Amino acid sequence: MNAKARQRAEVIFKVRSGQLTATVAAQTLGISRQQYYQWERRALEALLSALEDQPPGRPKPPNDPEKEVLHDRVKQLEQQVQHYEERELLRQCLNQWAARDDLPPAKKNPK
């Protein structure tokens, strides 16, 4: 925090604690009383915002769009592999069933 900001915060706290009036604070800072009240409001809002509960732990890193696209593609390919594995298992079961009954073997689909 720079020296000007520290001085402003100190003056605002003095007004809030009753050590100074808003008029004297504005004169000390070289601003109008209306401007002082705007600064005071902003400072108190920032204080409240800083004191809000935060989620525990480290913040999540920002999302990388390229990484998300690759992740989605990997999921898609994994689903496709699972589909083909199930298809192959079914073809093997049909061939075993056909071998028992002397039927022609199931054809592989070229897709």
N, C-alpha and C. Protein backbone atom coordinates (compact mmCIF):
# COMPACT_ATOMS: atom_id res chain seq x y z
N MET A 1 0.86 -1.17 0.00
CA MET A 1 0.00 0.00 0.00
C MET A 1 0.91 1.23 0.00
N ASN A 2 0.59 2.19 -0.89
CA ASN A 2 1.44 3.39 -0.94
C ASN A 2 1.08 4.36 0.19
N ALA A 3 1.89 5.39 0.36
CA ALA A 3 1.73 6.32 1.48
C ALA A 3 0.42 7.09 1.41
N LYS A 4 0.01 7.50 0.21
CA LYS A 4 -1.26 8.24 0.08
C LYS A 4 -2.44 7.38 0.51
N ALA A 5 -2.46 6.15 0.05
CA ALA A 5 -3.55 5.24 0.41
C ALA A 5 -3.57 4.99 1.91
N ARG A 6 -2.40 4.85 2.49
CA ARG A 6 -2.31 4.62 3.94
C ARG A 6 -2.83 5.83 4.71
N GLN A 7 -2.48 7.03 4.25
CA GLN A 7 -2.96 8.25 4.90
C GLN A 7 -4.49 8.34 4.80
N ARG A 8 -5.02 8.06 3.61
CA ARG A 8 -6.48 8.11 3.43
C ARG A 8 -7.17 7.13 4.36
N ALA A 9 -6.64 5.91 4.45
CA ALA A 9 -7.23 4.90 5.32
C ALA A 9 -7.18 5.35 6.78
N GLU A 10 -6.06 5.93 7.17
CA GLU A 10 -5.92 6.39 8.55
C GLU A 10 -6.94 7.47 8.87
N VAL A 11 -7.13 8.42 7.95
CA VAL A 11 -8.10 9.49 8.16
C VAL A 11 -9.51 8.93 8.22
N ILE A 12 -9.85 8.01 7.36
CA ILE A 12 -11.18 7.40 7.36
C ILE A 12 -11.43 6.69 8.69
N PHE A 13 -10.44 5.95 9.19
CA PHE A 13 -10.62 5.27 10.47
C PHE A 13 -10.76 6.27 11.63
N LYS A 14 -10.06 7.39 11.55
CA LYS A 14 -10.20 8.40 12.59
C LYS A 14 -11.61 8.99 12.58
N VAL A 15 -12.16 9.22 11.39
CA VAL A 15 -13.53 9.73 11.32
C VAL A 15 -14.50 8.68 11.86
N ARG A 16 -14.32 7.44 11.47
CA ARG A 16 -15.23 6.37 11.90
C ARG A 16 -15.15 6.16 13.42
N SER A 17 -14.00 6.45 14.02
CA SER A 17 -13.86 6.26 15.47
C SER A 17 -14.20 7.53 16.25
N GLY A 18 -14.56 8.60 15.54
CA GLY A 18 -14.97 9.83 16.21
C GLY A 18 -13.83 10.76 16.57
N GLN A 19 -12.63 10.49 16.11
CA GLN A 19 -11.49 11.35 16.41
C GLN A 19 -11.45 12.59 15.52
N LEU A 20 -12.05 12.49 14.34
CA LEU A 20 -12.11 13.61 13.39
C LEU A 20 -13.52 13.73 12.86
N THR A 21 -13.87 14.92 12.37
CA THR A 21 -15.14 15.07 11.66
C THR A 21 -14.87 14.87 10.17
N ALA A 22 -15.92 14.61 9.42
CA ALA A 22 -15.77 14.42 7.98
C ALA A 22 -15.26 15.70 7.32
N THR A 23 -15.68 16.85 7.84
CA THR A 23 -15.22 18.13 7.29
C THR A 23 -13.73 18.30 7.47
N VAL A 24 -13.23 18.03 8.66
CA VAL A 24 -11.79 18.14 8.95
C VAL A 24 -11.02 17.11 8.11
N ALA A 25 -11.57 15.91 7.99
CA ALA A 25 -10.92 14.87 7.19
C ALA A 25 -10.80 15.30 5.74
N ALA A 26 -11.87 15.86 5.19
CA ALA A 26 -11.84 16.32 3.81
C ALA A 26 -10.80 17.42 3.63
N GLN A 27 -10.73 18.34 4.58
CA GLN A 27 -9.73 19.42 4.51
C GLN A 27 -8.32 18.84 4.59
N THR A 28 -8.13 17.87 5.47
CA THR A 28 -6.81 17.23 5.62
C THR A 28 -6.37 16.57 4.31
N LEU A 29 -7.32 15.95 3.64
CA LEU A 29 -7.01 15.24 2.39
C LEU A 29 -7.05 16.16 1.16
N GLY A 30 -7.54 17.39 1.36
CA GLY A 30 -7.58 18.34 0.24
C GLY A 30 -8.69 18.03 -0.75
N ILE A 31 -9.81 17.52 -0.27
CA ILE A 31 -10.93 17.16 -1.12
C ILE A 31 -12.22 17.73 -0.51
N SER A 32 -13.29 17.64 -1.28
CA SER A 32 -14.57 18.09 -0.75
C SER A 32 -15.12 17.05 0.22
N ARG A 33 -16.08 17.47 1.04
CA ARG A 33 -16.70 16.54 1.98
C ARG A 33 -17.43 15.43 1.22
N GLN A 34 -18.07 15.82 0.11
CA GLN A 34 -18.78 14.82 -0.71
C GLN A 34 -17.81 13.77 -1.24
N GLN A 35 -16.66 14.23 -1.72
CA GLN A 35 -15.62 13.30 -2.20
C GLN A 35 -15.13 12.41 -1.06
N TYR A 36 -14.98 12.98 0.13
CA TYR A 36 -14.56 12.19 1.29
C TYR A 36 -15.54 11.03 1.52
N TYR A 37 -16.83 11.35 1.50
CA TYR A 37 -17.84 10.31 1.76
C TYR A 37 -17.82 9.22 0.67
N GLN A 38 -17.51 9.60 -0.54
CA GLN A 38 -17.38 8.60 -1.61
C GLN A 38 -16.19 7.68 -1.33
N TRP A 39 -15.07 8.27 -0.92
CA TRP A 39 -13.90 7.46 -0.59
C TRP A 39 -14.19 6.55 0.59
N GLU A 40 -14.87 7.11 1.59
CA GLU A 40 -15.19 6.32 2.78
C GLU A 40 -16.06 5.12 2.40
N ARG A 41 -17.07 5.35 1.58
CA ARG A 41 -17.96 4.27 1.15
C ARG A 41 -17.16 3.20 0.40
N ARG A 42 -16.33 3.64 -0.54
CA ARG A 42 -15.52 2.67 -1.30
C ARG A 42 -14.60 1.88 -0.37
N ALA A 43 -14.00 2.55 0.59
CA ALA A 43 -13.07 1.89 1.52
C ALA A 43 -13.80 0.86 2.37
N LEU A 44 -14.98 1.22 2.87
CA LEU A 44 -15.73 0.28 3.71
C LEU A 44 -16.25 -0.90 2.90
N GLU A 45 -16.66 -0.66 1.65
CA GLU A 45 -17.09 -1.77 0.78
C GLU A 45 -15.93 -2.71 0.50
N ALA A 46 -14.75 -2.14 0.24
CA ALA A 46 -13.57 -2.98 -0.01
C ALA A 46 -13.19 -3.78 1.23
N LEU A 47 -13.32 -3.16 2.40
CA LEU A 47 -13.03 -3.86 3.65
C LEU A 47 -13.98 -5.05 3.83
N LEU A 48 -15.26 -4.81 3.62
CA LEU A 48 -16.24 -5.90 3.75
C LEU A 48 -15.97 -7.00 2.73
N SER A 49 -15.66 -6.61 1.53
CA SER A 49 -15.38 -7.59 0.48
C SER A 49 -14.16 -8.44 0.84
N ALA A 50 -13.13 -7.80 1.37
CA ALA A 50 -11.91 -8.52 1.74
C ALA A 50 -12.14 -9.49 2.89
N LEU A 51 -13.16 -9.21 3.72
CA LEU A 51 -13.41 -10.06 4.88
C LEU A 51 -14.45 -11.15 4.65
N GLU A 52 -14.98 -11.24 3.43
CA GLU A 52 -15.94 -12.31 3.13
C GLU A 52 -15.24 -13.66 3.18
N ASP A 53 -16.01 -14.69 3.51
CA ASP A 53 -15.46 -16.04 3.54
C ASP A 53 -14.94 -16.43 2.16
N GLN A 54 -13.81 -17.08 2.17
CA GLN A 54 -13.19 -17.56 0.94
C GLN A 54 -13.22 -19.08 0.96
N PRO A 55 -13.30 -19.71 -0.20
CA PRO A 55 -13.25 -21.16 -0.20
C PRO A 55 -11.89 -21.64 0.31
N PRO A 56 -11.87 -22.76 1.04
CA PRO A 56 -10.60 -23.25 1.58
C PRO A 56 -9.67 -23.73 0.46
N GLY A 57 -8.40 -23.71 0.75
CA GLY A 57 -7.41 -24.24 -0.18
C GLY A 57 -6.99 -23.22 -1.22
N ARG A 58 -6.18 -23.69 -2.12
CA ARG A 58 -5.68 -22.84 -3.19
C ARG A 58 -6.77 -22.58 -4.22
N PRO A 59 -6.75 -21.41 -4.84
CA PRO A 59 -7.72 -21.17 -5.91
C PRO A 59 -7.39 -22.05 -7.12
N LYS A 60 -8.42 -22.41 -7.85
CA LYS A 60 -8.20 -23.24 -9.03
C LYS A 60 -7.47 -22.43 -10.09
N PRO A 61 -6.58 -23.09 -10.84
CA PRO A 61 -5.88 -22.36 -11.90
C PRO A 61 -6.88 -21.99 -13.00
N PRO A 62 -6.58 -20.96 -13.75
CA PRO A 62 -7.49 -20.57 -14.83
C PRO A 62 -7.62 -21.69 -15.86
N ASN A 63 -8.78 -21.75 -16.47
CA ASN A 63 -9.03 -22.79 -17.47
C ASN A 63 -8.25 -22.51 -18.74
N ASP A 64 -7.66 -23.55 -19.28
CA ASP A 64 -6.94 -23.46 -20.54
C ASP A 64 -7.85 -24.03 -21.62
N PRO A 65 -8.36 -23.19 -22.54
CA PRO A 65 -9.32 -23.67 -23.55
C PRO A 65 -8.77 -24.82 -24.39
N GLU A 66 -7.50 -24.75 -24.74
CA GLU A 66 -6.91 -25.83 -25.56
C GLU A 66 -6.90 -27.14 -24.77
N LYS A 67 -6.58 -27.04 -23.48
CA LYS A 67 -6.55 -28.23 -22.63
C LYS A 67 -7.95 -28.84 -22.51
N GLU A 68 -8.97 -27.98 -22.40
CA GLU A 68 -10.35 -28.47 -22.30
C GLU A 68 -10.77 -29.18 -23.58
N VAL A 69 -10.39 -28.63 -24.73
CA VAL A 69 -10.72 -29.27 -26.01
C VAL A 69 -10.06 -30.64 -26.09
N LEU A 70 -8.81 -30.71 -25.69
CA LEU A 70 -8.10 -31.99 -25.72
C LEU A 70 -8.72 -32.99 -24.74
N HIS A 71 -9.11 -32.51 -23.57
CA HIS A 71 -9.74 -33.37 -22.57
C HIS A 71 -11.05 -33.94 -23.13
N ASP A 72 -11.85 -33.08 -23.76
CA ASP A 72 -13.11 -33.54 -24.35
C ASP A 72 -12.86 -34.57 -25.45
N ARG A 73 -11.82 -34.34 -26.24
CA ARG A 73 -11.49 -35.27 -27.34
C ARG A 73 -11.06 -36.63 -26.77
N VAL A 74 -10.27 -36.61 -25.69
CA VAL A 74 -9.84 -37.86 -25.06
C VAL A 74 -11.05 -38.63 -24.54
N LYS A 75 -11.99 -37.92 -23.91
CA LYS A 75 -13.21 -38.58 -23.43
C LYS A 75 -13.98 -39.23 -24.58
N GLN A 76 -14.09 -38.48 -25.67
CA GLN A 76 -14.81 -38.98 -26.84
C GLN A 76 -14.12 -40.24 -27.38
N LEU A 77 -12.81 -40.22 -27.48
CA LEU A 77 -12.08 -41.38 -27.98
C LEU A 77 -12.16 -42.56 -27.03
N GLU A 78 -12.15 -42.29 -25.72
CA GLU A 78 -12.30 -43.39 -24.76
C GLU A 78 -13.66 -44.06 -24.89
N GLN A 79 -14.70 -43.26 -25.11
CA GLN A 79 -16.04 -43.81 -25.31
C GLN A 79 -16.08 -44.64 -26.59
N GLN A 80 -15.41 -44.15 -27.62
CA GLN A 80 -15.37 -44.87 -28.89
C GLN A 80 -14.64 -46.20 -28.73
N VAL A 81 -13.54 -46.21 -28.00
CA VAL A 81 -12.80 -47.45 -27.75
C VAL A 81 -13.68 -48.43 -26.99
N GLN A 82 -14.37 -47.94 -25.96
CA GLN A 82 -15.26 -48.81 -25.19
C GLN A 82 -16.35 -49.40 -26.09
N HIS A 83 -16.90 -48.59 -26.97
CA HIS A 83 -17.93 -49.06 -27.91
C HIS A 83 -17.38 -50.19 -28.79
N TYR A 84 -16.16 -49.98 -29.33
CA TYR A 84 -15.57 -51.00 -30.21
C TYR A 84 -15.20 -52.27 -29.42
N GLU A 85 -14.77 -52.11 -28.17
CA GLU A 85 -14.45 -53.28 -27.36
C GLU A 85 -15.71 -54.10 -27.08
N GLU A 86 -16.80 -53.42 -26.77
CA GLU A 86 -18.07 -54.12 -26.54
C GLU A 86 -18.55 -54.79 -27.82
N ARG A 87 -18.36 -54.12 -28.93
CA ARG A 87 -18.76 -54.68 -30.23
C ARG A 87 -17.96 -55.96 -30.54
N GLU A 88 -16.65 -55.88 -30.27
CA GLU A 88 -15.79 -57.04 -30.53
C GLU A 88 -16.16 -58.21 -29.61
N LEU A 89 -16.46 -57.92 -28.36
CA LEU A 89 -16.88 -58.95 -27.42
C LEU A 89 -18.16 -59.62 -27.91
N LEU A 90 -19.08 -58.80 -28.37
CA LEU A 90 -20.34 -59.34 -28.90
C LEU A 90 -20.08 -60.20 -30.12
N ARG A 91 -19.18 -59.77 -31.03
CA ARG A 91 -18.85 -60.55 -32.22
C ARG A 91 -18.24 -61.90 -31.82
N GLN A 92 -17.36 -61.89 -30.80
CA GLN A 92 -16.75 -63.14 -30.34
C GLN A 92 -17.81 -64.08 -29.76
N CYS A 93 -18.73 -63.51 -28.99
CA CYS A 93 -19.81 -64.34 -28.42
C CYS A 93 -20.66 -64.95 -29.53
N LEU A 94 -20.96 -64.17 -30.57
CA LEU A 94 -21.76 -64.68 -31.69
C LEU A 94 -21.00 -65.78 -32.43
N ASN A 95 -19.69 -65.61 -32.59
CA ASN A 95 -18.89 -66.63 -33.26
C ASN A 95 -18.87 -67.93 -32.45
N GLN A 96 -18.75 -67.80 -31.12
CA GLN A 96 -18.79 -69.00 -30.27
C GLN A 96 -20.14 -69.69 -30.38
N TRP A 97 -21.19 -68.90 -30.37
CA TRP A 97 -22.54 -69.45 -30.49
C TRP A 97 -22.73 -70.12 -31.86
N ALA A 98 -22.18 -69.46 -32.90
CA ALA A 98 -22.30 -70.01 -34.25
C ALA A 98 -21.49 -71.30 -34.39
N ALA A 99 -20.34 -71.38 -33.73
CA ALA A 99 -19.50 -72.57 -33.83
C ALA A 99 -20.20 -73.77 -33.20
N ARG A 100 -20.98 -73.53 -32.17
CA ARG A 100 -21.72 -74.64 -31.54
C ARG A 100 -22.80 -75.17 -32.46
N ASP A 101 -23.41 -74.27 -33.23
CA ASP A 101 -24.53 -74.67 -34.09
C ASP A 101 -24.14 -74.79 -35.56
N ASP A 102 -22.83 -74.77 -35.86
CA ASP A 102 -22.33 -74.88 -37.23
C ASP A 102 -22.89 -73.80 -38.15
N LEU A 103 -22.92 -72.56 -37.67
CA LEU A 103 -23.36 -71.40 -38.48
C LEU A 103 -22.13 -70.66 -38.97
N PRO A 104 -22.27 -69.85 -40.05
CA PRO A 104 -21.10 -69.07 -40.51
C PRO A 104 -20.71 -68.02 -39.46
N PRO A 105 -19.42 -67.68 -39.36
CA PRO A 105 -18.96 -66.73 -38.33
C PRO A 105 -19.52 -65.33 -38.60
N ALA A 106 -19.63 -64.52 -37.54
CA ALA A 106 -20.10 -63.14 -37.68
C ALA A 106 -19.04 -62.33 -38.43
N LYS A 107 -19.52 -61.43 -39.29
CA LYS A 107 -18.60 -60.60 -40.09
C LYS A 107 -18.15 -59.40 -39.28
N LYS A 108 -16.90 -58.98 -39.55
CA LYS A 108 -16.40 -57.76 -38.96
C LYS A 108 -16.93 -56.60 -39.77
N ASN A 109 -17.40 -55.58 -39.09
CA ASN A 109 -17.88 -54.37 -39.76
C ASN A 109 -16.69 -53.49 -40.02
N PRO A 110 -16.45 -53.05 -41.26
CA PRO A 110 -15.24 -52.28 -41.57
C PRO A 110 -15.22 -50.87 -41.01
N LYS A 111 -16.24 -50.40 -40.33
CA LYS A 111 -16.25 -49.01 -39.83
C LYS A 111 -15.21 -48.81 -38.79
